[in-house]
C-alpha atoms as a PDB file:
ATOM      1  CA  MET A   1      14.723  55.487 -86.150  1.00  0.00           C
ATOM      2  CA  ALA A   2      16.427  58.460 -87.444  1.00  0.00           C
ATOM      3  CA  ALA A   3      14.339  58.667 -90.668  1.00  0.00           C
ATOM      4  CA  GLU A   4      14.082  62.634 -89.944  1.00  0.00           C
ATOM      5  CA  GLU A   5      17.726  63.225 -90.938  1.00  0.00           C
ATOM      6  CA  VAL A   6      17.454  63.779 -94.832  1.00  0.00           C
ATOM      7  CA  ARG A   7      19.934  64.747 -97.319  1.00  0.00           C
ATOM      8  CA  THR A   8      19.644  68.096 -99.176  1.00  0.00           C
ATOM      9  CA  GLN A   9      19.998  66.184-102.394  1.00  0.00           C
ATOM     10  CA  PRO A  10      18.068  63.166-103.510  1.00  0.00           C
ATOM     11  CA  ARG A  11      20.749  60.322-103.710  1.00  0.00           C
ATOM     12  CA  THR A  12      21.154  58.815-107.170  1.00  0.00           C
ATOM     13  CA  GLY A  13      21.558  55.091-107.720  1.00  0.00           C
ATOM     14  CA  PRO A  14      20.361  51.910-105.635  1.00  0.00           C
ATOM     15  CA  PRO A  15      21.237  52.209-101.905  1.00  0.00           C
ATOM     16  CA  TRP A  16      21.901  48.443-101.546  1.00  0.00           C
ATOM     17  CA  ALA A  17      25.219  48.794-100.297  1.00  0.00           C
ATOM     18  CA  PRO A  18      24.432  51.340 -97.519  1.00  0.00           C
ATOM     19  CA  MET A  19      21.526  49.324 -96.692  1.00  0.00           C
ATOM     20  CA  ALA A  20      23.540  46.217 -96.120  1.00  0.00           C
ATOM     21  CA  ARG A  21      25.771  48.142 -93.999  1.00  0.00           C
ATOM     22  CA  LEU A  22      22.535  49.381 -91.997  1.00  0.00           C
ATOM     23  CA  ALA A  23      21.282  45.723 -91.695  1.00  0.00           C
ATOM     24  CA  GLY A  24      24.700  44.838 -90.332  1.00  0.00           C
ATOM     25  CA  ARG A  25      25.089  47.309 -87.835  1.00  0.00           C
ATOM     26  CA  ARG A  26      21.315  46.476 -86.460  1.00  0.00           C
ATOM     27  CA  ALA A  27      22.354  42.733 -86.405  1.00  0.00           C
ATOM     28  CA  LEU A  28      25.507  43.530 -84.196  1.00  0.00           C
ATOM     29  CA  ALA A  29      23.456  45.872 -81.938  1.00  0.00           C
ATOM     30  CA  ALA A  30      20.817  42.956 -81.744  1.00  0.00           C
ATOM     31  CA  VAL A  31      23.428  40.743 -79.938  1.00  0.00           C
ATOM     32  CA  PRO A  32      23.697  42.576 -76.573  1.00  0.00           C
ATOM     33  CA  VAL A  33      19.774  43.432 -76.591  1.00  0.00           C
ATOM     34  CA  LEU A  34      18.879  39.696 -77.029  1.00  0.00           C
ATOM     35  CA  ALA A  35      21.539  38.765 -74.447  1.00  0.00           C
ATOM     36  CA  ALA A  36      20.015  41.303 -71.683  1.00  0.00           C
ATOM     37  CA  VAL A  37      16.571  40.125 -72.644  1.00  0.00           C
ATOM     38  CA  THR A  38      17.493  36.356 -71.515  1.00  0.00           C
ATOM     39  CA  LEU A  39      19.295  37.581 -68.670  1.00  0.00           C
ATOM     40  CA  GLY A  40      16.150  39.443 -67.222  1.00  0.00           C
ATOM     41  CA  VAL A  41      14.072  36.043 -67.933  1.00  0.00           C
ATOM     42  CA  PHE A  42      16.518  34.377 -65.798  1.00  0.00           C
ATOM     43  CA  ALA A  43      16.642  36.956 -63.368  1.00  0.00           C
ATOM     44  CA  LEU A  44      12.556  36.769 -63.070  1.00  0.00           C
ATOM     45  CA  ALA A  45      13.441  32.819 -62.800  1.00  0.00           C
ATOM     46  CA  ALA A  46      15.340  33.484 -59.694  1.00  0.00           C
ATOM     47  CA  ALA A  47      12.948  35.692 -58.055  1.00  0.00           C
ATOM     48  CA  SER A  48       9.989  33.501 -58.796  1.00  0.00           C
ATOM     49  CA  PRO A  49       8.324  31.530 -55.719  1.00  0.00           C
ATOM     50  CA  PHE A  50       7.762  28.523 -57.847  1.00  0.00           C
ATOM     51  CA  ASP A  51      10.259  25.571 -58.009  1.00  0.00           C
ATOM     52  CA  PRO A  52      10.584  24.525 -61.670  1.00  0.00           C
ATOM     53  CA  VAL A  53      12.202  20.990 -60.391  1.00  0.00           C
ATOM     54  CA  ARG A  54       9.146  20.221 -58.459  1.00  0.00           C
ATOM     55  CA  GLN A  55       6.830  21.368 -61.386  1.00  0.00           C
ATOM     56  CA  TYR A  56       9.034  18.757 -63.436  1.00  0.00           C
ATOM     57  CA  ALA A  57       8.657  16.105 -60.741  1.00  0.00           C
ATOM     58  CA  GLY A  58       4.849  16.508 -60.528  1.00  0.00           C
ATOM     59  CA  SER A  59       3.114  14.625 -57.503  1.00  0.00           C
ATOM     60  CA  ALA A  60       6.306  12.637 -57.181  1.00  0.00           C
ATOM     61  CA  GLY A  61       8.080  15.686 -56.026  1.00  0.00           C
ATOM     62  CA  LEU A  62       6.023  15.926 -53.033  1.00  0.00           C
ATOM     63  CA  ARG A  63       7.275  12.803 -51.606  1.00  0.00           C
ATOM     64  CA  ALA A  64      10.775  12.991 -52.933  1.00  0.00           C
ATOM     65  CA  SER A  65      13.750  13.592 -50.771  1.00  0.00           C
ATOM     66  CA  GLN A  66      15.915  16.808 -50.890  1.00  0.00           C
ATOM     67  CA  ASP A  67      18.750  14.610 -52.178  1.00  0.00           C
ATOM     68  CA  THR A  68      16.589  13.437 -54.826  1.00  0.00           C
ATOM     69  CA  LEU A  69      15.561  16.943 -56.106  1.00  0.00           C
ATOM     70  CA  ASP A  70      19.008  18.110 -55.712  1.00  0.00           C
ATOM     71  CA  ARG A  71      20.664  15.557 -58.140  1.00  0.00           C
ATOM     72  CA  LEU A  72      17.343  16.348 -60.520  1.00  0.00           C
ATOM     73  CA  ARG A  73      18.123  19.998 -60.569  1.00  0.00           C
ATOM     74  CA  GLU A  74      21.634  19.478 -61.424  1.00  0.00           C
ATOM     75  CA  ASN A  75      20.736  16.900 -64.340  1.00  0.00           C
ATOM     76  CA  LEU A  76      18.244  19.837 -65.492  1.00  0.00           C
ATOM     77  CA  ALA A  77      21.084  22.238 -65.203  1.00  0.00           C
ATOM     78  CA  LEU A  78      19.032  24.598 -62.857  1.00  0.00           C
ATOM     79  CA  ASP A  79      21.395  24.662 -59.916  1.00  0.00           C
ATOM     80  CA  GLY A  80      23.610  27.364 -59.226  1.00  0.00           C
ATOM     81  CA  PRO A  81      23.108  31.247 -59.159  1.00  0.00           C
ATOM     82  CA  PHE A  82      20.880  32.522 -62.148  1.00  0.00           C
ATOM     83  CA  ALA A  83      23.679  34.342 -63.674  1.00  0.00           C
ATOM     84  CA  GLU A  84      25.603  30.905 -63.961  1.00  0.00           C
ATOM     85  CA  GLN A  85      22.251  29.392 -65.179  1.00  0.00           C
ATOM     86  CA  TRP A  86      21.896  32.065 -67.913  1.00  0.00           C
ATOM     87  CA  TRP A  87      25.480  31.681 -68.964  1.00  0.00           C
ATOM     88  CA  ARG A  88      25.365  28.038 -69.539  1.00  0.00           C
ATOM     89  CA  TRP A  89      21.926  28.538 -71.241  1.00  0.00           C
ATOM     90  CA  LEU A  90      23.385  31.221 -73.504  1.00  0.00           C
ATOM     91  CA  ALA A  91      26.661  29.238 -74.349  1.00  0.00           C
ATOM     92  CA  SER A  92      24.561  26.160 -75.232  1.00  0.00           C
ATOM     93  CA  ALA A  93      21.904  28.438 -77.465  1.00  0.00           C
ATOM     94  CA  ALA A  94      25.250  29.886 -79.332  1.00  0.00           C
ATOM     95  CA  THR A  95      25.630  26.236 -80.530  1.00  0.00           C
ATOM     96  CA  GLY A  96      21.985  25.668 -81.250  1.00  0.00           C
ATOM     97  CA  ASP A  97      21.051  23.703 -77.922  1.00  0.00           C
ATOM     98  CA  LEU A  98      18.400  25.589 -76.410  1.00  0.00           C
ATOM     99  CA  GLY A  99      18.072  23.214 -73.476  1.00  0.00           C
ATOM    100  CA  GLN A 100      15.487  20.775 -72.011  1.00  0.00           C
ATOM    101  CA  SER A 101      11.897  21.737 -71.728  1.00  0.00           C
ATOM    102  CA  VAL A 102      10.807  21.076 -68.081  1.00  0.00           C
ATOM    103  CA  SER A 103       7.142  21.046 -68.864  1.00  0.00           C
ATOM    104  CA  LEU A 104       7.244  19.318 -72.105  1.00  0.00           C
ATOM    105  CA  ARG A 105      10.001  17.141 -71.454  1.00  0.00           C
ATOM    106  CA  ARG A 106      11.503  17.469 -74.669  1.00  0.00           C
ATOM    107  CA  PRO A 107      14.202  19.711 -76.180  1.00  0.00           C
ATOM    108  CA  VAL A 108      13.318  23.321 -76.430  1.00  0.00           C
ATOM    109  CA  ALA A 109      14.644  23.540 -80.175  1.00  0.00           C
ATOM    110  CA  GLN A 110      12.063  20.666 -80.915  1.00  0.00           C
ATOM    111  CA  VAL A 111       9.093  22.291 -79.415  1.00  0.00           C
ATOM    112  CA  VAL A 112      10.040  25.730 -81.123  1.00  0.00           C
ATOM    113  CA  GLY A 113      10.255  23.940 -84.457  1.00  0.00           C
ATOM    114  CA  GLU A 114       6.898  22.226 -84.126  1.00  0.00           C
ATOM    115  CA  HIS A 115       4.996  25.213 -83.384  1.00  0.00           C
ATOM    116  CA  LEU A 116       6.729  28.308 -84.594  1.00  0.00           C
ATOM    117  CA  GLY A 117       5.762  27.760 -88.469  1.00  0.00           C
ATOM    118  CA  TRP A 118       2.105  27.838 -87.648  1.00  0.00           C
ATOM    119  CA  SER A 119       2.516  31.192 -85.702  1.00  0.00           C
ATOM    120  CA  VAL A 120       4.382  32.512 -88.612  1.00  0.00           C
ATOM    121  CA  LEU A 121       1.988  31.722 -91.065  1.00  0.00           C
ATOM    122  CA  LEU A 122      -0.983  33.116 -89.156  1.00  0.00           C
ATOM    123  CA  CYS A 123       0.950  36.498 -88.411  1.00  0.00           C
ATOM    124  CA  ALA A 124       1.971  36.865 -92.180  1.00  0.00           C
ATOM    125  CA  LEU A 125      -1.450  36.572 -93.402  1.00  0.00           C
ATOM    126  CA  ALA A 126      -3.062  38.570 -90.972  1.00  0.00           C
ATOM    127  CA  PHE A 127      -0.506  41.231 -91.019  1.00  0.00           C
ATOM    128  CA  LEU A 128      -0.495  41.329 -95.025  1.00  0.00           C
ATOM    129  CA  LEU A 129      -4.481  41.478 -94.792  1.00  0.00           C
ATOM    130  CA  ALA A 130      -4.505  44.230 -92.476  1.00  0.00           C
ATOM    131  CA  VAL A 131      -1.980  46.490 -94.413  1.00  0.00           C
ATOM    132  CA  VAL A 132      -3.892  45.873 -97.995  1.00  0.00           C
ATOM    133  CA  LEU A 133      -7.137  46.215 -96.620  1.00  0.00           C
ATOM    134  CA  GLY A 134      -6.303  49.236 -94.093  1.00  0.00           C
ATOM    135  CA  THR A 135      -4.765  50.864 -97.272  1.00  0.00           C
ATOM    136  CA  VAL A 136      -7.817  50.494 -99.522  1.00  0.00           C
ATOM    137  CA  LEU A 137     -10.399  51.701 -96.906  1.00  0.00           C
ATOM    138  CA  GLY A 138      -7.651  54.687 -95.868  1.00  0.00           C
ATOM    139  CA  VAL A 139      -7.462  56.056 -99.453  1.00  0.00           C
ATOM    140  CA  ALA A 140     -11.099  55.550-100.138  1.00  0.00           C
ATOM    141  CA  ALA A 141     -11.718  57.493 -96.771  1.00  0.00           C
ATOM    142  CA  ALA A 142      -9.006  60.241 -97.612  1.00  0.00           C
ATOM    143  CA  ARG A 143     -10.771  60.849-101.288  1.00  0.00           C
ATOM    144  CA  ARG A 144     -14.115  61.905 -99.815  1.00  0.00           C
ATOM    145  CA  ARG A 145     -12.866  63.310 -96.484  1.00  0.00           C
ATOM    146  CA  GLY A 146     -15.763  64.028 -94.267  1.00  0.00           C
ATOM    147  CA  GLY A 147     -18.209  61.945 -96.545  1.00  0.00           C
ATOM    148  CA  ARG A 148     -20.208  58.885 -95.260  1.00  0.00           C
ATOM    149  CA  LEU A 149     -17.498  56.625 -96.262  1.00  0.00           C
ATOM    150  CA  ASP A 150     -14.855  58.450 -94.261  1.00  0.00           C
ATOM    151  CA  ARG A 151     -17.219  58.628 -91.231  1.00  0.00           C
ATOM    152  CA  CYS A 152     -17.940  54.740 -91.373  1.00  0.00           C
ATOM    153  CA  VAL A 153     -14.030  53.891 -91.881  1.00  0.00           C
ATOM    154  CA  THR A 154     -13.034  56.528 -89.065  1.00  0.00           C
ATOM    155  CA  GLY A 155     -15.809  55.400 -86.360  1.00  0.00           C
ATOM    156  CA  GLY A 156     -15.368  51.468 -87.485  1.00  0.00           C
ATOM    157  CA  SER A 157     -11.627  52.062 -86.910  1.00  0.00           C
ATOM    158  CA  TYR A 158     -12.090  53.571 -83.392  1.00  0.00           C
ATOM    159  CA  VAL A 159     -14.354  50.726 -82.409  1.00  0.00           C
ATOM    160  CA  LEU A 160     -11.836  48.220 -83.617  1.00  0.00           C
ATOM    161  CA  GLN A 161      -9.036  49.885 -81.492  1.00  0.00           C
ATOM    162  CA  ALA A 162     -11.056  49.542 -78.487  1.00  0.00           C
ATOM    163  CA  ALA A 163     -11.951  45.779 -79.081  1.00  0.00           C
ATOM    164  CA  PRO A 164      -9.388  43.176 -77.406  1.00  0.00           C
ATOM    165  CA  PRO A 165      -8.406  40.511 -79.786  1.00  0.00           C
ATOM    166  CA  PHE A 166      -9.793  37.948 -77.561  1.00  0.00           C
ATOM    167  CA  TRP A 167     -13.166  39.123 -77.540  1.00  0.00           C
ATOM    168  CA  LEU A 168     -13.305  39.502 -81.181  1.00  0.00           C
ATOM    169  CA  GLY A 169     -12.146  35.808 -81.359  1.00  0.00           C
ATOM    170  CA  LEU A 170     -14.975  34.764 -79.254  1.00  0.00           C
ATOM    171  CA  LEU A 171     -17.532  36.895 -80.947  1.00  0.00           C
ATOM    172  CA  ALA A 172     -16.495  35.179 -84.133  1.00  0.00           C
ATOM    173  CA  VAL A 173     -16.614  31.686 -82.810  1.00  0.00           C
ATOM    174  CA  TRP A 174     -20.094  32.492 -81.502  1.00  0.00           C
ATOM    175  CA  PHE A 175     -21.315  34.080 -84.508  1.00  0.00           C
ATOM    176  CA  PHE A 176     -19.658  31.773 -87.385  1.00  0.00           C
ATOM    177  CA  ALA A 177     -19.193  28.726 -85.792  1.00  0.00           C
ATOM    178  CA  LEU A 178     -22.109  28.158 -83.276  1.00  0.00           C
ATOM    179  CA  GLN A 179     -24.817  30.367 -85.085  1.00  0.00           C
ATOM    180  CA  LEU A 180     -24.088  29.963 -88.696  1.00  0.00           C
ATOM    181  CA  GLY A 181     -21.959  26.850 -88.608  1.00  0.00           C
ATOM    182  CA  VAL A 182     -20.113  27.904 -91.600  1.00  0.00           C
ATOM    183  CA  LEU A 183     -16.744  27.924 -90.386  1.00  0.00           C
ATOM    184  CA  PRO A 184     -14.703  25.655 -87.760  1.00  0.00           C
ATOM    185  CA  ALA A 185     -14.469  27.008 -84.164  1.00  0.00           C
ATOM    186  CA  GLY A 186     -10.592  26.362 -83.839  1.00  0.00           C
ATOM    187  CA  GLY A 187      -7.927  23.732 -84.100  1.00  0.00           C
ATOM    188  CA  LEU A 188      -6.220  22.768 -87.283  1.00  0.00           C
ATOM    189  CA  THR A 189      -8.093  19.728 -88.692  1.00  0.00           C
ATOM    190  CA  ASP A 190     -11.474  18.627 -88.337  1.00  0.00           C
ATOM    191  CA  SER A 191     -12.728  16.219 -85.338  1.00  0.00           C
ATOM    192  CA  GLY A 192     -11.661  12.571 -86.364  1.00  0.00           C
ATOM    193  CA  GLU A 193      -9.211  13.541 -89.006  1.00  0.00           C
ATOM    194  CA  ASP A 194      -5.364  13.776 -88.374  1.00  0.00           C
ATOM    195  CA  THR A 195      -4.240  14.727 -92.028  1.00  0.00           C
ATOM    196  CA  VAL A 196      -3.828  18.559 -92.637  1.00  0.00           C
ATOM    197  CA  THR A 197      -5.114  19.342 -96.361  1.00  0.00           C
ATOM    198  CA  ALA A 198      -5.261  22.562 -97.973  1.00  0.00           C
ATOM    199  CA  GLY A 199      -8.940  22.874 -97.904  1.00  0.00           C
ATOM    200  CA  SER A 200      -9.086  22.285 -94.195  1.00  0.00           C
ATOM    201  CA  LEU A 201      -6.245  24.408 -93.579  1.00  0.00           C
ATOM    202  CA  ALA A 202      -8.056  27.274 -95.403  1.00  0.00           C
ATOM    203  CA  ARG A 203     -11.014  26.764 -93.574  1.00  0.00           C
ATOM    204  CA  HIS A 204      -9.528  26.707 -90.239  1.00  0.00           C
ATOM    205  CA  LEU A 205      -7.201  29.620 -90.794  1.00  0.00           C
ATOM    206  CA  THR A 206     -10.254  31.797 -92.048  1.00  0.00           C
ATOM    207  CA  LEU A 207     -11.527  33.246 -88.599  1.00  0.00           C
ATOM    208  CA  PRO A 208      -8.115  33.342 -86.776  1.00  0.00           C
ATOM    209  CA  VAL A 209      -6.607  35.380 -89.704  1.00  0.00           C
ATOM    210  CA  THR A 210      -9.360  37.669 -90.043  1.00  0.00           C
ATOM    211  CA  VAL A 211      -9.840  38.360 -86.272  1.00  0.00           C
ATOM    212  CA  LEU A 212      -6.157  39.157 -86.039  1.00  0.00           C
ATOM    213  CA  ALA A 213      -6.088  41.200 -89.157  1.00  0.00           C
ATOM    214  CA  LEU A 214      -9.143  43.126 -87.585  1.00  0.00           C
ATOM    215  CA  SER A 215      -6.922  43.873 -84.538  1.00  0.00           C
ATOM    216  CA  GLN A 216      -4.356  45.592 -86.563  1.00  0.00           C
ATOM    217  CA  LEU A 217      -6.426  47.024 -89.490  1.00  0.00           C
ATOM    218  CA  PRO A 218      -7.446  50.435 -87.367  1.00  0.00           C
ATOM    219  CA  TRP A 219      -3.925  51.664 -87.349  1.00  0.00           C
ATOM    220  CA  PHE A 220      -3.263  51.375 -91.004  1.00  0.00           C
ATOM    221  CA  ALA A 221      -6.529  52.663 -92.194  1.00  0.00           C
ATOM    222  CA  LEU A 222      -6.289  55.662 -89.845  1.00  0.00           C
ATOM    223  CA  TYR A 223      -2.664  56.350 -90.696  1.00  0.00           C
ATOM    224  CA  VAL A 224      -3.189  56.051 -94.625  1.00  0.00           C
ATOM    225  CA  ARG A 225      -6.196  57.982 -94.555  1.00  0.00           C
ATOM    226  CA  GLN A 226      -4.572  60.872 -92.643  1.00  0.00           C
ATOM    227  CA  GLY A 227      -1.431  60.688 -94.854  1.00  0.00           C
ATOM    228  CA  VAL A 228      -3.071  60.468 -98.234  1.00  0.00           C
ATOM    229  CA  ALA A 229      -5.494  63.396 -97.085  1.00  0.00           C
ATOM    230  CA  ASP A 230      -2.615  65.624 -96.274  1.00  0.00           C
ATOM    231  CA  ALA A 231      -0.689  64.673 -99.489  1.00  0.00           C
ATOM    232  CA  LEU A 232      -3.783  65.731-101.324  1.00  0.00           C
ATOM    233  CA  HIS A 233      -3.264  69.353-100.252  1.00  0.00           C
ATOM    234  CA  GLU A 234       0.617  69.342-101.190  1.00  0.00           C
ATOM    235  CA  ASP A 235       1.737  71.354-103.717  1.00  0.00           C
ATOM    236  CA  PRO A 236       3.295  68.493-106.147  1.00  0.00           C
ATOM    237  CA  VAL A 237      -0.490  67.111-106.093  1.00  0.00           C
ATOM    238  CA  ARG A 238      -1.853  70.556-106.903  1.00  0.00           C
ATOM    239  CA  GLY A 239       0.517  70.877-109.633  1.00  0.00           C
ATOM    240  CA  ALA A 240      -0.298  67.509-111.070  1.00  0.00           C
ATOM    241  CA  ARG A 241      -3.884  68.425-110.967  1.00  0.00           C
ATOM    242  CA  ALA A 242      -3.219  71.853-112.710  1.00  0.00           C
ATOM    243  CA  ARG A 243      -1.466  69.720-115.423  1.00  0.00           C
ATOM    244  CA  GLY A 244      -4.735  67.975-116.266  1.00  0.00           C
ATOM    245  CA  LEU A 245      -4.048  64.701-114.897  1.00  0.00           C
ATOM    246  CA  ARG A 246      -6.925  62.154-114.273  1.00  0.00           C
ATOM    247  CA  GLU A 247      -7.877  61.997-110.584  1.00  0.00           C
ATOM    248  CA  ARG A 248      -7.105  58.491-110.486  1.00  0.00           C
ATOM    249  CA  THR A 249      -3.385  59.108-111.448  1.00  0.00           C
ATOM    250  CA  VAL A 250      -3.141  61.983-109.054  1.00  0.00           C
ATOM    251  CA  LEU A 251      -4.609  59.918-106.192  1.00  0.00           C
ATOM    252  CA  LEU A 252      -2.639  56.752-106.818  1.00  0.00           C
ATOM    253  CA  GLY A 253       0.386  58.108-108.448  1.00  0.00           C
ATOM    254  CA  HIS A 254       1.161  61.229-106.354  1.00  0.00           C
ATOM    255  CA  ALA A 255      -0.790  61.277-102.976  1.00  0.00           C
ATOM    256  CA  LEU A 256      -0.750  57.549-102.370  1.00  0.00           C
ATOM    257  CA  ARG A 257       3.047  57.455-102.607  1.00  0.00           C
ATOM    258  CA  SER A 258       3.688  60.587-100.262  1.00  0.00           C
ATOM    259  CA  GLY A 259       0.919  59.468 -97.986  1.00  0.00           C
ATOM    260  CA  LEU A 260       2.200  56.142 -97.347  1.00  0.00           C
ATOM    261  CA  LEU A 261       5.715  56.952 -96.011  1.00  0.00           C
ATOM    262  CA  PRO A 262       4.567  57.661 -92.648  1.00  0.00           C
ATOM    263  CA  VAL A 263       2.884  54.183 -92.405  1.00  0.00           C
ATOM    264  CA  LEU A 264       6.268  52.490 -93.423  1.00  0.00           C
ATOM    265  CA  THR A 265       7.249  53.580 -89.893  1.00  0.00           C
ATOM    266  CA  LEU A 266       4.096  52.059 -88.296  1.00  0.00           C
ATOM    267  CA  ILE A 267       5.056  48.360 -89.625  1.00  0.00           C
ATOM    268  CA  GLY A 268       8.120  47.924 -87.189  1.00  0.00           C
ATOM    269  CA  THR A 269       6.136  49.403 -84.029  1.00  0.00           C
ATOM    270  CA  ARG A 270       3.120  47.036 -84.664  1.00  0.00           C
ATOM    271  CA  ILE A 271       5.091  43.851 -84.461  1.00  0.00           C
ATOM    272  CA  PRO A 272       5.025  43.774 -80.748  1.00  0.00           C
ATOM    273  CA  GLU A 273       1.218  44.008 -80.686  1.00  0.00           C
ATOM    274  CA  LEU A 274       0.933  41.677 -83.504  1.00  0.00           C
ATOM    275  CA  ILE A 275       2.934  39.056 -81.281  1.00  0.00           C
ATOM    276  CA  THR A 276       0.516  39.917 -78.388  1.00  0.00           C
ATOM    277  CA  GLY A 277      -2.537  39.681 -80.349  1.00  0.00           C
ATOM    278  CA  ALA A 278      -1.355  36.302 -82.169  1.00  0.00           C
ATOM    279  CA  LEU A 279      -1.034  34.804 -78.565  1.00  0.00           C
ATOM    280  CA  LEU A 280      -4.452  35.601 -77.606  1.00  0.00           C
ATOM    281  CA  VAL A 281      -6.089  34.718 -81.004  1.00  0.00           C
ATOM    282  CA  GLU A 282      -4.086  31.222 -81.037  1.00  0.00           C
ATOM    283  CA  THR A 283      -5.520  30.757 -77.556  1.00  0.00           C
ATOM    284  CA  VAL A 284      -9.032  31.311 -78.376  1.00  0.00           C
ATOM    285  CA  PHE A 285      -8.893  29.380 -81.835  1.00  0.00           C
ATOM    286  CA  SER A 286      -6.681  26.517 -80.297  1.00  0.00           C
ATOM    287  CA  TRP A 287      -4.296  27.345 -82.906  1.00  0.00           C
ATOM    288  CA  PRO A 288      -0.985  24.888 -82.642  1.00  0.00           C
ATOM    289  CA  GLY A 289       1.145  27.953 -82.861  1.00  0.00           C
ATOM    290  CA  ILE A 290       4.019  29.005 -80.325  1.00  0.00           C
ATOM    291  CA  ALA A 291       1.146  30.406 -78.087  1.00  0.00           C
ATOM    292  CA  SER A 292       0.377  27.130 -76.390  1.00  0.00           C
ATOM    293  CA  ALA A 293       3.972  26.579 -75.835  1.00  0.00           C
ATOM    294  CA  THR A 294       4.146  30.144 -74.195  1.00  0.00           C
ATOM    295  CA  VAL A 295       1.447  29.621 -71.884  1.00  0.00           C
ATOM    296  CA  ARG A 296       2.461  26.380 -71.004  1.00  0.00           C
ATOM    297  CA  ALA A 297       5.974  27.511 -70.195  1.00  0.00           C
ATOM    298  CA  ALA A 298       4.570  30.570 -68.085  1.00  0.00           C
ATOM    299  CA  THR A 299       2.309  28.505 -66.189  1.00  0.00           C
ATOM    300  CA  ALA A 300       4.967  25.611 -65.563  1.00  0.00           C
ATOM    301  CA  THR A 301       7.796  28.152 -64.937  1.00  0.00           C
ATOM    302  CA  ASP A 302       9.370  26.469 -67.753  1.00  0.00           C
ATOM    303  CA  PHE A 303      12.295  29.128 -68.123  1.00  0.00           C
ATOM    304  CA  PRO A 304      14.376  27.550 -70.753  1.00  0.00           C
ATOM    305  CA  LEU A 305      11.403  27.311 -73.127  1.00  0.00           C
ATOM    306  CA  LEU A 306      10.323  30.746 -71.952  1.00  0.00           C
ATOM    307  CA  ALA A 307      13.666  32.265 -72.667  1.00  0.00           C
ATOM    308  CA  ALA A 308      13.613  30.878 -76.192  1.00  0.00           C
ATOM    309  CA  VAL A 309      10.396  32.273 -76.881  1.00  0.00           C
ATOM    310  CA  THR A 310      11.191  35.418 -75.612  1.00  0.00           C
ATOM    311  CA  VAL A 311      14.360  35.634 -77.707  1.00  0.00           C
ATOM    312  CA  LEU A 312      12.149  34.729 -80.951  1.00  0.00           C
ATOM    313  CA  ALA A 313       9.525  38.039 -79.856  1.00  0.00           C
ATOM    314  CA  THR A 314      12.437  40.100 -79.376  1.00  0.00           C
ATOM    315  CA  ALA A 315      14.314  39.187 -82.547  1.00  0.00           C
ATOM    316  CA  ALA A 316      10.823  39.892 -84.372  1.00  0.00           C
ATOM    317  CA  VAL A 317      10.610  43.164 -83.117  1.00  0.00           C
ATOM    318  CA  LEU A 318      13.885  44.054 -84.061  1.00  0.00           C
ATOM    319  CA  ALA A 319      13.609  42.721 -87.490  1.00  0.00           C
ATOM    320  CA  GLY A 320      10.502  44.534 -87.859  1.00  0.00           C
ATOM    321  CA  ASN A 321      12.029  47.704 -87.078  1.00  0.00           C
ATOM    322  CA  LEU A 322      14.878  47.112 -89.431  1.00  0.00           C
ATOM    323  CA  LEU A 323      12.335  46.288 -92.127  1.00  0.00           C
ATOM    324  CA  ALA A 324      10.422  49.560 -91.752  1.00  0.00           C
ATOM    325  CA  ASP A 325      13.743  51.463 -91.849  1.00  0.00           C
ATOM    326  CA  LEU A 326      14.828  49.904 -94.928  1.00  0.00           C
ATOM    327  CA  LEU A 327      11.385  50.440 -96.613  1.00  0.00           C
ATOM    328  CA  TYR A 328      11.510  54.081 -95.694  1.00  0.00           C
ATOM    329  CA  VAL A 329      15.056  54.186 -97.423  1.00  0.00           C
ATOM    330  CA  LEU A 330      13.643  52.698-100.639  1.00  0.00           C
ATOM    331  CA  ALA A 331      10.652  54.911-100.578  1.00  0.00           C
ATOM    332  CA  ASP A 332      12.335  58.015 -99.906  1.00  0.00           C
ATOM    333  CA  PRO A 333      15.509  59.128-101.840  1.00  0.00           C
ATOM    334  CA  ARG A 334      16.421  61.733 -99.390  1.00  0.00           C
ATOM    335  CA  ILE A 335      16.902  59.218 -96.573  1.00  0.00           C
ATOM    336  CA  ASP A 336      20.824  58.474 -96.141  1.00  0.00           C
ATOM    337  CA  PRO A 337      20.872  54.896 -94.275  1.00  0.00           C
ATOM    338  CA  GLU A 338      24.735  55.671 -93.106  1.00  0.00           C
ATOM    339  CA  GLU A 339      23.004  58.162 -90.632  1.00  0.00           C
ATOM    340  CA  MET A 340      20.277  55.837 -89.215  1.00  0.00           C
END
């Protein structure tokens, strides 16, 4: 991101048109990136010692003849060099056909459609909770820098940074589900129930959302703390205090706005770890998200499904970086989106 390049004079008027052009440039630049990522997946598939056709055939593949396996390979579009397979998959994906899942024996688009929504819900709620709670804790710590609350927030953030998400998840299951019995250990519904209600969804979401949010919380808390603490010593904030403004107005109206600018760049950089953490959290809590499909694709050498999941993850990272840049443009009138 070229957020460091600024104008000498703040712009006047809303930057909607330049922001739209920025989004268009990023979308065009994302096309070769996504193509290269999928090419890498198929290159890894070609170098893999595992045969997806035998994985698809299961125990019957041990007794099948080579001719039978070759016909099955052709039917699954797994014949030919990996570059040819990749091009066939890419051409089909451009029309909305993501191929056939070798492990689940269903269309990849159907598998992704069934699982993606649950992952998006989990990640969105966890990320929102991490941003809000991290901002509140960061501001509170910066207001009394060096005090007891500041030491607690800083120390707790460093501890959470060192804790893997899956360990936090297992600890949460042991304490809240096994010891206290107040929350379910995982899944989407209670045992013996097939219907998802709002109440059961909220109960089953509580632990995975909280654990995933805690894995992202330290970064936002520490960034907000540092940004607001630095802003409290800047000349505009000192001038606001000299004019007799209330401390709350100085903190929220001046220091917080200036201190949050570095946090906006953090949004895009946290997307990859958010996705990785979500895969671990979903696995621990048996959440019906895209993680189960990803693990299944990786262990069963299901490269059409793995390619689709990789494209989604890469697109999410690119979209997160774009979102961070757009928010930075809106927050700082000195930023020229045409130069980003």
